C-alpha atoms as a PDB file:
ATOM      1  CA  MET A   1      32.104  -2.780   1.909  1.00  0.00           C
ATOM      2  CA  SER A   2      30.798  -5.565  -0.324  1.00  0.00           C
ATOM      3  CA  ARG A   3      29.797  -8.954   1.109  1.00  0.00           C
ATOM      4  CA  GLU A   4      29.331 -12.110  -0.930  1.00  0.00           C
ATOM      5  CA  GLY A   5      27.901 -15.536  -0.303  1.00  0.00           C
ATOM      6  CA  ILE A   6      27.130 -18.884  -1.894  1.00  0.00           C
ATOM      7  CA  ILE A   7      24.005 -20.825  -0.985  1.00  0.00           C
ATOM      8  CA  PRO A   8      24.625 -24.531  -1.649  1.00  0.00           C
ATOM      9  CA  PRO A   9      21.934 -26.514  -3.476  1.00  0.00           C
ATOM     10  CA  ARG A  10      18.760 -27.139  -1.440  1.00  0.00           C
ATOM     11  CA  SER A  11      19.779 -24.885   1.464  1.00  0.00           C
ATOM     12  CA  GLY A  12      19.192 -21.350   2.714  1.00  0.00           C
ATOM     13  CA  THR A  13      20.567 -18.411   4.657  1.00  0.00           C
ATOM     14  CA  ALA A  14      19.425 -15.222   6.367  1.00  0.00           C
ATOM     15  CA  PHE A  15      21.060 -11.849   7.003  1.00  0.00           C
ATOM     16  CA  VAL A  16      20.360  -8.175   7.640  1.00  0.00           C
ATOM     17  CA  LEU A  17      20.172  -5.859   4.631  1.00  0.00           C
ATOM     18  CA  GLU A  18      20.492  -2.263   5.800  1.00  0.00           C
ATOM     19  CA  GLN A  19      18.518   0.618   4.316  1.00  0.00           C
ATOM     20  CA  GLY A  20      20.166   1.703   1.056  1.00  0.00           C
ATOM     21  CA  GLU A  21      22.132  -1.508   0.590  1.00  0.00           C
ATOM     22  CA  VAL A  22      21.597  -3.453  -2.626  1.00  0.00           C
ATOM     23  CA  LEU A  23      21.258  -7.227  -2.672  1.00  0.00           C
ATOM     24  CA  THR A  24      22.240  -8.848  -5.957  1.00  0.00           C
ATOM     25  CA  VAL A  25      20.998 -12.417  -6.355  1.00  0.00           C
ATOM     26  CA  ILE A  26      22.760 -14.422  -9.066  1.00  0.00           C
ATOM     27  CA  ASP A  27      21.759 -17.670 -10.763  1.00  0.00           C
ATOM     28  CA  PRO A  28      25.337 -18.731 -11.597  1.00  0.00           C
ATOM     29  CA  LEU A  29      24.581 -21.872 -13.628  1.00  0.00           C
ATOM     30  CA  GLY A  30      21.081 -21.117 -14.907  1.00  0.00           C
ATOM     31  CA  SER A  31      17.635 -22.656 -14.344  1.00  0.00           C
ATOM     32  CA  GLN A  32      17.715 -22.359 -10.524  1.00  0.00           C
ATOM     33  CA  VAL A  33      15.059 -20.679  -8.361  1.00  0.00           C
ATOM     34  CA  ALA A  34      15.838 -18.668  -5.208  1.00  0.00           C
ATOM     35  CA  ASP A  35      13.060 -18.081  -2.664  1.00  0.00           C
ATOM     36  CA  CYS A  36      13.372 -14.622  -1.090  1.00  0.00           C
ATOM     37  CA  VAL A  37      11.488 -13.345   1.967  1.00  0.00           C
ATOM     38  CA  ALA A  38      11.901 -10.078   3.856  1.00  0.00           C
ATOM     39  CA  PHE A  39      10.929  -8.688   7.247  1.00  0.00           C
ATOM     40  CA  ALA A  40      11.326  -5.255   8.813  1.00  0.00           C
ATOM     41  CA  ALA A  41      14.332  -5.491  11.123  1.00  0.00           C
ATOM     42  CA  ALA A  42      12.673  -3.162  13.638  1.00  0.00           C
ATOM     43  CA  ASP A  43       9.702  -5.525  14.007  1.00  0.00           C
ATOM     44  CA  PRO A  44       9.803  -8.870  12.160  1.00  0.00           C
ATOM     45  CA  ARG A  45       6.020  -9.145  12.431  1.00  0.00           C
ATOM     46  CA  GLU A  46       6.087  -6.741   9.481  1.00  0.00           C
ATOM     47  CA  ALA A  47       6.732  -9.042   6.542  1.00  0.00           C
ATOM     48  CA  LEU A  48       6.773  -9.152   2.769  1.00  0.00           C
ATOM     49  CA  SER A  49       3.232  -9.341   1.353  1.00  0.00           C
ATOM     50  CA  SER A  50       2.374 -10.599  -2.109  1.00  0.00           C
ATOM     51  CA  GLY A  51      -1.184  -9.309  -1.760  1.00  0.00           C
ATOM     52  CA  ARG A  52      -0.167  -5.756  -0.853  1.00  0.00           C
ATOM     53  CA  THR A  53       2.517  -5.801  -3.553  1.00  0.00           C
ATOM     54  CA  PHE A  54       0.111  -6.908  -6.296  1.00  0.00           C
ATOM     55  CA  ASP A  55      -2.430  -4.341  -5.099  1.00  0.00           C
ATOM     56  CA  TYR A  56      -0.111  -1.325  -4.989  1.00  0.00           C
ATOM     57  CA  GLU A  57       2.033  -2.233  -7.995  1.00  0.00           C
ATOM     58  CA  GLU A  58      -1.057  -3.257 -10.038  1.00  0.00           C
ATOM     59  CA  THR A  59       0.746  -6.203 -11.651  1.00  0.00           C
ATOM     60  CA  ILE A  60       1.806  -9.769 -10.932  1.00  0.00           C
ATOM     61  CA  ARG A  61       4.779  -9.412 -13.312  1.00  0.00           C
ATOM     62  CA  LEU A  62       7.279  -7.698 -11.052  1.00  0.00           C
ATOM     63  CA  THR A  63      10.555  -6.416 -12.486  1.00  0.00           C
ATOM     64  CA  THR A  64      12.812  -3.337 -12.591  1.00  0.00           C
ATOM     65  CA  GLY A  65      11.118  -0.340 -10.986  1.00  0.00           C
ATOM     66  CA  ASN A  66       8.572  -2.329  -8.996  1.00  0.00           C
ATOM     67  CA  ARG A  67       8.535  -2.220  -5.221  1.00  0.00           C
ATOM     68  CA  LEU A  68       7.887  -5.042  -2.760  1.00  0.00           C
ATOM     69  CA  TRP A  69       5.466  -4.056   0.005  1.00  0.00           C
ATOM     70  CA  SER A  70       4.884  -5.279   3.541  1.00  0.00           C
ATOM     71  CA  ASN A  71       1.719  -6.411   5.292  1.00  0.00           C
ATOM     72  CA  ARG A  72       1.695  -2.929   6.884  1.00  0.00           C
ATOM     73  CA  SER A  73       1.729  -1.175   3.493  1.00  0.00           C
ATOM     74  CA  ASN A  74       5.348  -0.052   3.683  1.00  0.00           C
ATOM     75  CA  VAL A  75       7.935  -0.590   0.953  1.00  0.00           C
ATOM     76  CA  LEU A  76      10.605  -3.048   2.038  1.00  0.00           C
ATOM     77  CA  LEU A  77      12.534  -3.475  -1.228  1.00  0.00           C
ATOM     78  CA  GLU A  78      12.726  -1.986  -4.708  1.00  0.00           C
ATOM     79  CA  ILE A  79      13.835  -3.918  -7.775  1.00  0.00           C
ATOM     80  CA  VAL A  80      16.561  -1.709  -9.257  1.00  0.00           C
ATOM     81  CA  ALA A  81      17.794  -4.091 -11.996  1.00  0.00           C
ATOM     82  CA  ASP A  82      16.573  -7.383 -13.409  1.00  0.00           C
ATOM     83  CA  THR A  83      18.131  -9.254 -16.326  1.00  0.00           C
ATOM     84  CA  LEU A  84      15.387 -11.903 -16.624  1.00  0.00           C
ATOM     85  CA  GLY A  85      12.104 -10.201 -15.702  1.00  0.00           C
ATOM     86  CA  GLN A  86      10.441 -13.522 -14.806  1.00  0.00           C
ATOM     87  CA  HIS A  87       9.688 -14.300 -11.163  1.00  0.00           C
ATOM     88  CA  ASP A  88       6.812 -15.752  -9.137  1.00  0.00           C
ATOM     89  CA  PHE A  89       5.032 -14.222  -6.150  1.00  0.00           C
ATOM     90  CA  LEU A  90       2.023 -16.568  -6.077  1.00  0.00           C
ATOM     91  CA  LEU A  91       3.363 -19.805  -4.619  1.00  0.00           C
ATOM     92  CA  ALA A  92       4.421 -20.537  -1.057  1.00  0.00           C
ATOM     93  CA  PRO A  93       7.889 -21.904  -0.253  1.00  0.00           C
ATOM     94  CA  CYS A  94       8.124 -25.634  -0.876  1.00  0.00           C
ATOM     95  CA  SER A  95       7.941 -27.757   2.278  1.00  0.00           C
ATOM     96  CA  GLU A  96       7.736 -31.335   3.502  1.00  0.00           C
ATOM     97  CA  ALA A  97       4.009 -31.150   2.752  1.00  0.00           C
ATOM     98  CA  THR A  98       4.777 -30.014  -0.809  1.00  0.00           C
ATOM     99  CA  PHE A  99       6.964 -33.073  -1.355  1.00  0.00           C
ATOM    100  CA  ARG A 100       4.316 -35.417   0.042  1.00  0.00           C
ATOM    101  CA  HIS A 101       1.644 -33.823  -2.184  1.00  0.00           C
ATOM    102  CA  PHE A 102       3.488 -33.522  -5.502  1.00  0.00           C
ATOM    103  CA  TYR A 103       6.459 -35.912  -5.326  1.00  0.00           C
ATOM    104  CA  LYS A 104       5.057 -39.122  -3.876  1.00  0.00           C
ATOM    105  CA  ASP A 105       7.754 -41.240  -5.562  1.00  0.00           C
ATOM    106  CA  LYS A 106      10.685 -39.112  -4.359  1.00  0.00           C
ATOM    107  CA  PRO A 107      12.339 -38.640  -0.952  1.00  0.00           C
ATOM    108  CA  VAL A 108      10.712 -36.034   1.291  1.00  0.00           C
ATOM    109  CA  HIS A 109      12.811 -32.901   1.808  1.00  0.00           C
ATOM    110  CA  ARG A 110      12.181 -30.090   4.285  1.00  0.00           C
ATOM    111  CA  GLY A 111      12.197 -27.720   1.330  1.00  0.00           C
ATOM    112  CA  CYS A 112      12.625 -23.976   1.289  1.00  0.00           C
ATOM    113  CA  LEU A 113      10.235 -23.531   4.218  1.00  0.00           C
ATOM    114  CA  GLY A 114      12.392 -25.700   6.449  1.00  0.00           C
ATOM    115  CA  ASN A 115      15.577 -24.028   5.237  1.00  0.00           C
ATOM    116  CA  LEU A 116      14.106 -20.566   5.806  1.00  0.00           C
ATOM    117  CA  ALA A 117      12.803 -21.513   9.248  1.00  0.00           C
ATOM    118  CA  GLU A 118      16.258 -22.660  10.364  1.00  0.00           C
ATOM    119  CA  ALA A 119      18.019 -19.613   8.902  1.00  0.00           C
ATOM    120  CA  LEU A 120      15.486 -17.096  10.275  1.00  0.00           C
ATOM    121  CA  SER A 121      15.156 -18.607  13.750  1.00  0.00           C
ATOM    122  CA  PRO A 122      18.050 -16.540  15.218  1.00  0.00           C
ATOM    123  CA  PHE A 123      16.166 -13.410  14.120  1.00  0.00           C
ATOM    124  CA  GLY A 124      13.041 -14.416  16.058  1.00  0.00           C
ATOM    125  CA  VAL A 125      11.028 -15.417  12.970  1.00  0.00           C
ATOM    126  CA  ALA A 126       8.998 -18.590  13.544  1.00  0.00           C
ATOM    127  CA  VAL A 127       7.992 -20.922  10.732  1.00  0.00           C
ATOM    128  CA  ASP A 128       4.344 -19.821  10.802  1.00  0.00           C
ATOM    129  CA  ALA A 129       5.431 -16.203  10.247  1.00  0.00           C
ATOM    130  CA  ILE A 130       7.180 -16.981   6.944  1.00  0.00           C
ATOM    131  CA  PRO A 131       5.104 -15.447   4.121  1.00  0.00           C
ATOM    132  CA  VAL A 132       4.691 -16.294   0.454  1.00  0.00           C
ATOM    133  CA  ALA A 133       8.174 -15.904  -0.996  1.00  0.00           C
ATOM    134  CA  PHE A 134       9.218 -13.758  -3.921  1.00  0.00           C
ATOM    135  CA  ASN A 135      10.466 -16.702  -5.984  1.00  0.00           C
ATOM    136  CA  LEU A 136      13.324 -15.328  -8.053  1.00  0.00           C
ATOM    137  CA  PHE A 137      13.790 -16.753 -11.556  1.00  0.00           C
ATOM    138  CA  MET A 138      10.747 -19.038 -11.107  1.00  0.00           C
ATOM    139  CA  ASN A 139       8.617 -19.756 -14.180  1.00  0.00           C
ATOM    140  CA  VAL A 140       4.910 -19.939 -13.231  1.00  0.00           C
ATOM    141  CA  PRO A 141       2.727 -19.066 -16.229  1.00  0.00           C
ATOM    142  CA  VAL A 142      -0.932 -18.278 -15.529  1.00  0.00           C
ATOM    143  CA  ASN A 143      -3.609 -19.246 -18.064  1.00  0.00           C
ATOM    144  CA  GLY A 144      -5.524 -16.043 -18.780  1.00  0.00           C
ATOM    145  CA  GLU A 145      -8.782 -17.858 -19.498  1.00  0.00           C
ATOM    146  CA  THR A 146      -8.920 -20.535 -16.805  1.00  0.00           C
ATOM    147  CA  GLY A 147      -6.614 -19.060 -14.165  1.00  0.00           C
ATOM    148  CA  SER A 148      -4.750 -22.361 -13.911  1.00  0.00           C
ATOM    149  CA  LEU A 149      -1.071 -22.342 -12.983  1.00  0.00           C
ATOM    150  CA  ALA A 150       1.869 -24.361 -14.240  1.00  0.00           C
ATOM    151  CA  VAL A 151       5.338 -24.732 -12.767  1.00  0.00           C
ATOM    152  CA  LEU A 152       7.853 -24.956 -15.611  1.00  0.00           C
ATOM    153  CA  PRO A 153      11.658 -25.030 -15.602  1.00  0.00           C
ATOM    154  CA  PRO A 154      13.188 -21.566 -15.194  1.00  0.00           C
ATOM    155  CA  THR A 155      14.273 -19.833 -18.375  1.00  0.00           C
ATOM    156  CA  SER A 156      17.170 -18.145 -16.568  1.00  0.00           C
ATOM    157  CA  ARG A 157      20.577 -18.602 -18.126  1.00  0.00           C
ATOM    158  CA  ALA A 158      23.895 -18.715 -16.325  1.00  0.00           C
ATOM    159  CA  GLY A 159      24.655 -15.354 -14.747  1.00  0.00           C
ATOM    160  CA  GLU A 160      21.114 -13.919 -14.624  1.00  0.00           C
ATOM    161  CA  THR A 161      20.732 -11.396 -11.800  1.00  0.00           C
ATOM    162  CA  ILE A 162      18.176  -9.372  -9.906  1.00  0.00           C
ATOM    163  CA  ARG A 163      19.123  -6.418  -7.703  1.00  0.00           C
ATOM    164  CA  LEU A 164      16.973  -5.381  -4.734  1.00  0.00           C
ATOM    165  CA  ARG A 165      17.545  -2.163  -2.767  1.00  0.00           C
ATOM    166  CA  ALA A 166      16.432  -2.048   0.862  1.00  0.00           C
ATOM    167  CA  GLU A 167      14.080   0.852   1.584  1.00  0.00           C
ATOM    168  CA  THR A 168      14.331   0.123   5.321  1.00  0.00           C
ATOM    169  CA  ASP A 169      16.515  -2.150   7.418  1.00  0.00           C
ATOM    170  CA  CYS A 170      15.405  -5.679   6.514  1.00  0.00           C
ATOM    171  CA  ILE A 171      15.956  -9.256   7.562  1.00  0.00           C
ATOM    172  CA  ILE A 172      16.310 -11.298   4.380  1.00  0.00           C
ATOM    173  CA  GLY A 173      15.806 -15.037   4.018  1.00  0.00           C
ATOM    174  CA  LEU A 174      17.164 -16.544   0.795  1.00  0.00           C
ATOM    175  CA  THR A 175      17.319 -20.106  -0.537  1.00  0.00           C
ATOM    176  CA  ALA A 176      18.499 -22.234  -3.399  1.00  0.00           C
ATOM    177  CA  CYS A 177      15.122 -23.870  -4.025  1.00  0.00           C
ATOM    178  CA  SER A 178      14.645 -27.565  -3.302  1.00  0.00           C
ATOM    179  CA  ALA A 179      11.591 -28.495  -5.414  1.00  0.00           C
ATOM    180  CA  TYR A 180      12.020 -30.707  -8.468  1.00  0.00           C
ATOM    181  CA  ALA A 181       9.529 -29.008 -10.813  1.00  0.00           C
ATOM    182  CA  SER A 182      10.633 -25.485  -9.911  1.00  0.00           C
ATOM    183  CA  ASN A 183      14.197 -26.161 -11.039  1.00  0.00           C
ATOM    184  CA  GLY A 184      13.682 -28.502 -13.977  1.00  0.00           C
ATOM    185  CA  GLY A 185      14.637 -31.536 -11.888  1.00  0.00           C
ATOM    186  CA  THR A 186      18.146 -30.384 -10.937  1.00  0.00           C
ATOM    187  CA  PHE A 187      19.530 -28.465  -7.957  1.00  0.00           C
ATOM    188  CA  LYS A 188      22.242 -25.852  -8.176  1.00  0.00           C
ATOM    189  CA  PRO A 189      23.687 -23.095  -5.973  1.00  0.00           C
ATOM    190  CA  ILE A 190      22.617 -19.481  -5.752  1.00  0.00           C
ATOM    191  CA  HIS A 191      25.141 -16.680  -5.312  1.00  0.00           C
ATOM    192  CA  PHE A 192      24.498 -13.304  -3.731  1.00  0.00           C
ATOM    193  CA  ARG A 193      26.306 -10.041  -3.156  1.00  0.00           C
ATOM    194  CA  ILE A 194      25.510  -7.108  -0.846  1.00  0.00           C
ATOM    195  CA  ALA A 195      26.899  -3.653  -1.594  1.00  0.00           C
END
């Protein structure tokens, strides 16, 4: 049975994705990032790991066919389809500290970290256990010579999707990102579907 949801702008949710189920994340209006984190449902101390994923997949450009690994070297998710092929797995979820650091002239927001912490709390995941997120649709080019990063508006168009299949029962945290630079200065919803 298919389940669907809408994440309003600058908010988040969490849910269980059972082994074999496929999560489709949709950018319905375009140019909107969604932070995605995952934990093993059997033991949430086992969490998504960017370092293990980069190591085992031998790339930082993750797309169809790549797997997302845990801190215990187990596959949590596999990317089974990806219309954009541009995501970030380097940057941490935005937070109140992010807003104070980068957006001194704008109101402070709890960011994706605060939204994830609230959504994941019923699953026993504390804020300090939230890892670097797989930032869907996020545009973070890396300068090959200097290693410097930039955060540019997403190039995703309305209706872009990524599909992630659970390789084990997972707890998923998912947001409609709250940071100005990440989303080109606007905030829009994220849609998702589980089948």
